Amino acid sequence: MENTTLLLIDFQNDYFPSFKDAKWKLDNTEDAANNALLLLKEFREKNMNIVHVKHEFLSDDAPFFAQNTEGAKIYKNLLPLNSEKVILKHKVNSFIDTNLKEVLDEMDTKNLVIVGAMSHMCIDAVVRASSDYGYNCFVAHDSCATLPLEFDGVKVPSKMVHASFMSALQFAYAKVQSTKKILELI
């Protein structure tokens, strides 16, 4: 897969139950990060493009990822190298009010491997936008994490939230595959 960029979305401390002061703990974040690390190592070894995206809320009453906090920092196992691009965003969609599109175009990106959190929010938004921009998208489903949701009295376990969004993305926006399968492709 030539012209491929690894896009790591919001692997930040506040999502990790192992982080002492985590403000928005997701299910299976550690497993997702460990799988993402396999991809990150492979991309580094092959000198392929890597972009990290981190989210910070601008409001003082941020539920998580508050500016200049430990919770908003990228998780220790996935820290970017100095040579890797880091995009700071303030919205769910990583393209809004950022230079992500320009960075990807400068890298001559054709294919994106997308990992991170949350499956039902920022992953969903970036995959749909990326596809709309014409990138060939791959989502490593086991390198993504989310949490249980509730709507109108219906409680939805995180596994079902994740499966629903991966299924929708696979239908029209991306090739949704395991980390192992994507590693075989690159």
Protein backbone atom coordinates (compact mmCIF):
# COMPACT_ATOMS: atom_id res chain seq x y z
CA MET A 1 0.00 0.00 0.00
CA GLU A 2 1.96 2.95 -1.29
CA ASN A 3 1.21 6.50 -0.14
CA THR A 4 -0.31 5.25 3.10
CA THR A 5 -0.54 7.28 6.31
CA LEU A 6 -1.32 5.98 9.79
CA LEU A 7 -3.78 8.31 11.51
CA LEU A 8 -3.95 7.92 15.30
CA ILE A 9 -6.97 9.70 16.76
CA ASP A 10 -7.27 10.84 20.38
CA PHE A 11 -5.20 8.22 22.17
CA GLN A 12 -5.08 10.49 25.22
CA ASN A 13 -4.80 9.83 28.93
CA ASP A 14 -8.37 10.75 29.90
CA TYR A 15 -9.64 7.71 27.95
CA PHE A 16 -7.44 5.17 29.76
CA PRO A 17 -8.72 3.46 32.93
CA SER A 18 -5.07 2.86 33.89
CA PHE A 19 -4.47 6.64 34.03
CA LYS A 20 -5.04 7.65 37.64
CA ASP A 21 -7.12 10.76 36.98
CA ALA A 22 -8.89 9.62 33.78
CA LYS A 23 -12.03 11.66 33.24
CA TRP A 24 -13.75 9.67 30.45
CA LYS A 25 -12.76 6.00 30.70
CA LEU A 26 -13.45 3.87 27.66
CA ASP A 27 -13.81 0.11 27.45
CA ASN A 28 -10.87 -1.81 25.96
CA THR A 29 -8.71 1.28 25.52
CA GLU A 30 -5.57 -0.59 26.57
CA ASP A 31 -6.21 -3.38 24.05
CA ALA A 32 -6.89 -0.84 21.30
CA ALA A 33 -3.69 1.04 22.17
CA ASN A 34 -1.64 -2.15 22.17
CA ASN A 35 -2.92 -3.01 18.70
CA ALA A 36 -2.33 0.55 17.50
CA LEU A 37 1.22 0.26 18.81
CA LEU A 38 1.79 -2.75 16.53
CA LEU A 39 0.78 -0.61 13.56
CA LEU A 40 2.82 2.35 14.79
CA LYS A 41 5.95 0.19 15.11
CA GLU A 42 5.45 -1.24 11.61
CA PHE A 43 4.93 2.20 10.08
CA ARG A 44 8.04 3.49 11.84
CA GLU A 45 10.10 0.49 10.78
CA LYS A 46 9.05 0.98 7.15
CA ASN A 47 9.52 4.77 7.34
CA MET A 48 5.87 5.36 6.42
CA ASN A 49 3.80 8.47 7.17
CA ILE A 50 2.34 8.90 10.66
CA VAL A 51 -0.02 11.59 11.95
CA HIS A 52 -1.21 11.88 15.54
CA VAL A 53 -4.36 13.85 16.32
CA LYS A 54 -5.11 15.09 19.81
CA HIS A 55 -8.24 16.80 21.02
CA GLU A 56 -8.46 19.66 23.50
CA PHE A 57 -11.68 21.36 24.48
CA LEU A 58 -11.48 25.14 24.62
CA SER A 59 -14.11 25.62 27.34
CA ASP A 60 -13.27 25.85 31.03
CA ASP A 61 -15.93 23.25 31.85
CA ALA A 62 -14.56 20.56 29.51
CA PRO A 63 -15.76 17.05 30.47
CA PHE A 64 -12.31 15.68 29.51
CA PHE A 65 -9.27 16.71 27.43
CA ALA A 66 -9.12 20.08 29.17
CA GLN A 67 -6.36 22.30 27.81
CA ASN A 68 -2.93 21.96 29.44
CA THR A 69 -3.84 18.97 31.58
CA GLU A 70 -2.23 15.56 31.96
CA GLY A 71 -5.49 14.03 30.80
CA ALA A 72 -5.18 15.77 27.42
CA LYS A 73 -1.68 14.43 26.78
CA ILE A 74 -1.11 11.59 24.34
CA TYR A 75 -0.89 8.22 26.07
CA LYS A 76 2.67 7.24 27.03
CA ASN A 77 2.86 4.09 24.86
CA LEU A 78 1.92 5.99 21.69
CA LEU A 79 3.89 9.20 22.07
CA PRO A 80 4.84 10.78 18.75
CA LEU A 81 8.44 11.04 17.65
CA ASN A 82 9.75 14.50 16.77
CA SER A 83 9.58 13.59 13.08
CA GLU A 84 5.85 12.71 13.29
CA LYS A 85 3.12 15.27 12.72
CA VAL A 86 0.75 16.16 15.55
CA ILE A 87 -2.54 17.88 14.77
CA LEU A 88 -4.38 19.72 17.55
CA LYS A 89 -8.15 19.78 17.12
CA HIS A 90 -11.02 21.27 19.07
CA LYS A 91 -13.95 19.55 17.34
CA VAL A 92 -15.09 15.96 16.80
CA ASN A 93 -14.13 15.97 13.11
CA SER A 94 -10.32 16.13 12.86
CA PHE A 95 -10.51 18.14 9.62
CA ILE A 96 -12.53 21.07 10.99
CA ASP A 97 -10.39 24.13 11.78
CA THR A 98 -7.13 22.14 11.41
CA ASN A 99 -4.52 21.66 8.72
CA LEU A 100 -5.00 17.88 8.59
CA LYS A 101 -6.06 17.87 4.93
CA GLU A 102 -3.02 19.94 3.94
CA VAL A 103 -0.68 17.68 5.93
CA LEU A 104 -2.11 14.54 4.31
CA ASP A 105 -1.88 16.10 0.87
CA GLU A 106 1.72 17.20 1.46
CA MET A 107 2.50 13.56 2.29
CA ASP A 108 0.80 12.55 -0.98
CA THR A 109 -1.56 10.33 1.02
CA LYS A 110 -3.86 8.07 -0.94
CA ASN A 111 -4.59 5.47 1.76
CA LEU A 112 -5.36 6.07 5.44
CA VAL A 113 -5.13 3.52 8.22
CA ILE A 114 -7.27 4.93 11.01
CA VAL A 115 -7.17 3.95 14.69
CA GLY A 116 -8.18 5.54 17.97
CA ALA A 117 -11.17 6.71 19.93
CA MET A 118 -14.08 7.03 20.26
CA SER A 119 -15.47 4.63 17.67
CA HIS A 120 -18.87 6.33 17.63
CA MET A 121 -17.60 9.91 17.56
CA CYS A 122 -14.18 10.99 16.34
CA ILE A 123 -13.39 7.77 14.46
CA ASP A 124 -16.76 7.85 12.73
CA ALA A 125 -16.37 11.54 11.84
CA VAL A 126 -12.80 11.30 10.50
CA VAL A 127 -13.49 8.17 8.47
CA ARG A 128 -16.56 9.65 6.78
CA ALA A 129 -14.78 12.96 6.09
CA SER A 130 -11.66 11.16 4.83
CA SER A 131 -13.73 9.07 2.46
CA ASP A 132 -15.55 12.17 1.24
CA TYR A 133 -12.16 13.75 0.52
CA GLY A 134 -11.31 10.74 -1.64
CA TYR A 135 -8.90 8.87 0.62
CA ASN A 136 -9.01 5.08 0.57
CA CYS A 137 -9.77 4.32 4.23
CA PHE A 138 -8.89 1.32 6.35
CA VAL A 139 -10.06 1.10 9.96
CA ALA A 140 -8.33 -1.32 12.33
CA HIS A 141 -11.44 -2.15 14.34
CA ASP A 142 -9.52 -3.76 17.20
CA SER A 143 -7.36 -0.62 17.46
CA CYS A 144 -10.40 1.51 18.31
CA ALA A 145 -12.31 1.93 21.55
CA THR A 146 -15.57 3.35 22.82
CA LEU A 147 -17.90 3.22 25.83
CA PRO A 148 -21.49 2.18 26.61
CA LEU A 149 -24.22 4.61 25.56
CA GLU A 150 -27.81 5.23 26.50
CA PHE A 151 -30.59 6.70 24.40
CA ASP A 152 -34.21 7.12 25.37
CA GLY A 153 -33.87 4.61 28.20
CA VAL A 154 -32.11 2.00 26.04
CA LYS A 155 -28.69 1.01 27.34
CA VAL A 156 -26.25 -0.02 24.65
CA PRO A 157 -23.11 -1.94 25.71
CA SER A 158 -19.83 -0.66 24.30
CA LYS A 159 -19.35 -3.83 22.25
CA MET A 160 -22.64 -3.15 20.45
CA VAL A 161 -21.88 0.57 20.01
CA HIS A 162 -18.54 -0.35 18.46
CA ALA A 163 -20.00 -3.06 16.22
CA SER A 164 -22.77 -0.78 15.00
CA PHE A 165 -20.39 1.96 13.96
CA MET A 166 -17.83 -0.39 12.41
CA SER A 167 -20.65 -2.02 10.43
CA ALA A 168 -21.88 1.35 9.16
CA LEU A 169 -18.39 2.47 8.20
CA GLN A 170 -17.70 -0.79 6.43
CA PHE A 171 -20.90 -0.46 4.42
CA ALA A 172 -19.86 2.67 2.53
CA TYR A 173 -16.77 4.41 3.89
CA ALA A 174 -13.89 2.07 4.73
CA LYS A 175 -12.41 -1.37 4.74
CA VAL A 176 -12.84 -2.36 8.38
CA GLN A 177 -10.36 -5.07 9.26
CA SER A 178 -8.33 -6.42 12.15
CA THR A 179 -4.94 -4.97 13.01
CA LYS A 180 -3.39 -8.29 11.97
CA LYS A 181 -5.01 -8.14 8.52
CA ILE A 182 -3.89 -4.53 7.97
CA LEU A 183 -0.35 -5.42 9.03
CA GLU A 184 -0.36 -8.12 6.33
CA LEU A 185 -1.36 -5.49 3.75
CA ILE A 186 1.43 -3.06 4.58
